[in-house]
Amino acid sequence: MPLPTAPVQKPNQKLLHTKANNELLLRALLCILIGLGVLVSPYFLSSPGIQEIVAQSSLVGWFALALGVAFAGLYLRRRLSANPRQ
């Protein structure tokens, strides 16, 4: 079976990087929202049982918040280090 021919056009690297950066920003925002939701929700829940369960998962909230901030920092680093002529 013969090998396929080489592609004629190169992939659009700017489009690929833009999509990856947008996905990274979306992940950052979602992780930050989840982390803040887990950390703040015990103050707004009326049921003491549910409030205690959610309060015990505060470590998960802090982890999600830290992960979201790390993703946002990586997004900012990519945006600031990008070549403006591209």
Protein backbone atom coordinates (compact mmCIF):
# COMPACT_ATOMS: atom_id res chain seq x y z
CA MET A 1 0.00 0.00 0.00
CA PRO A 2 1.59 3.31 -1.04
CA LEU A 3 2.00 6.19 1.36
CA PRO A 4 -0.31 9.19 0.98
CA THR A 5 1.05 12.34 -0.57
CA ALA A 6 2.28 15.18 1.61
CA PRO A 7 -0.24 17.94 2.34
CA VAL A 8 -0.04 20.99 0.14
CA GLN A 9 -1.13 23.57 2.72
CA LYS A 10 0.36 24.00 6.15
CA PRO A 11 -2.07 24.04 9.07
CA ASN A 12 -2.98 27.47 10.36
CA GLN A 13 -0.90 27.60 13.57
CA LYS A 14 -2.43 30.88 14.70
CA LEU A 15 -5.92 29.37 14.60
CA LEU A 16 -4.75 26.29 16.50
CA HIS A 17 -3.07 28.40 19.20
CA THR A 18 -6.09 30.68 19.50
CA LYS A 19 -8.41 27.73 20.01
CA ALA A 20 -6.10 26.19 22.62
CA ASN A 21 -5.83 29.51 24.45
CA ASN A 22 -9.60 29.98 24.44
CA GLU A 23 -10.10 26.48 25.85
CA LEU A 24 -7.52 27.20 28.54
CA LEU A 25 -9.34 30.40 29.49
CA LEU A 26 -12.65 28.52 29.64
CA ARG A 27 -11.13 25.87 31.92
CA ALA A 28 -9.68 28.59 34.14
CA LEU A 29 -13.02 30.35 34.51
CA LEU A 30 -14.91 27.12 35.18
CA CYS A 31 -12.41 25.97 37.82
CA ILE A 32 -12.52 29.36 39.53
CA LEU A 33 -16.33 29.34 39.55
CA ILE A 34 -16.47 25.78 40.91
CA GLY A 35 -13.92 26.59 43.60
CA LEU A 36 -15.72 29.75 44.67
CA GLY A 37 -19.04 27.93 44.60
CA VAL A 38 -17.80 25.19 46.91
CA LEU A 39 -16.15 27.65 49.28
CA VAL A 40 -19.03 30.15 49.48
CA SER A 41 -22.07 27.87 49.28
CA PRO A 42 -22.08 26.71 52.95
CA TYR A 43 -22.96 30.26 53.98
CA PHE A 44 -26.09 30.27 51.79
CA LEU A 45 -27.44 26.77 52.48
CA SER A 46 -30.28 26.53 54.97
CA SER A 47 -30.04 22.82 55.83
CA PRO A 48 -27.42 22.19 58.53
CA GLY A 49 -26.70 18.67 57.24
CA ILE A 50 -26.00 19.79 53.69
CA GLN A 51 -24.12 22.82 54.97
CA GLU A 52 -21.79 20.56 56.98
CA ILE A 53 -21.20 18.21 54.04
CA VAL A 54 -20.29 21.06 51.70
CA ALA A 55 -18.13 22.71 54.38
CA GLN A 56 -16.14 19.49 54.75
CA SER A 57 -15.27 19.60 51.06
CA SER A 58 -13.53 22.96 51.34
CA LEU A 59 -10.22 21.35 50.38
CA VAL A 60 -11.72 20.49 46.99
CA GLY A 61 -12.86 24.09 46.62
CA TRP A 62 -9.40 25.45 47.40
CA PHE A 63 -7.83 23.01 44.93
CA ALA A 64 -10.25 24.01 42.18
CA LEU A 65 -9.63 27.68 42.90
CA ALA A 66 -5.85 27.23 42.82
CA LEU A 67 -6.07 25.21 39.61
CA GLY A 68 -8.23 27.88 38.00
CA VAL A 69 -5.81 30.63 39.01
CA ALA A 70 -2.92 28.57 37.61
CA PHE A 71 -4.77 28.10 34.31
CA ALA A 72 -5.54 31.83 34.17
CA GLY A 73 -1.86 32.62 34.84
CA LEU A 74 -0.80 30.28 32.06
CA TYR A 75 -3.32 31.90 29.73
CA LEU A 76 -1.99 35.37 30.56
CA ARG A 77 1.60 34.22 30.11
CA ARG A 78 0.77 32.81 26.68
CA ARG A 79 -1.06 35.97 25.64
CA LEU A 80 1.70 38.30 26.84
CA SER A 81 4.50 36.26 25.32
CA ALA A 82 2.76 35.89 21.95
CA ASN A 83 4.37 37.68 19.08
CA PRO A 84 2.18 40.73 18.31
CA ARG A 85 2.93 40.48 14.57
CA GLN A 86 1.12 37.13 14.26
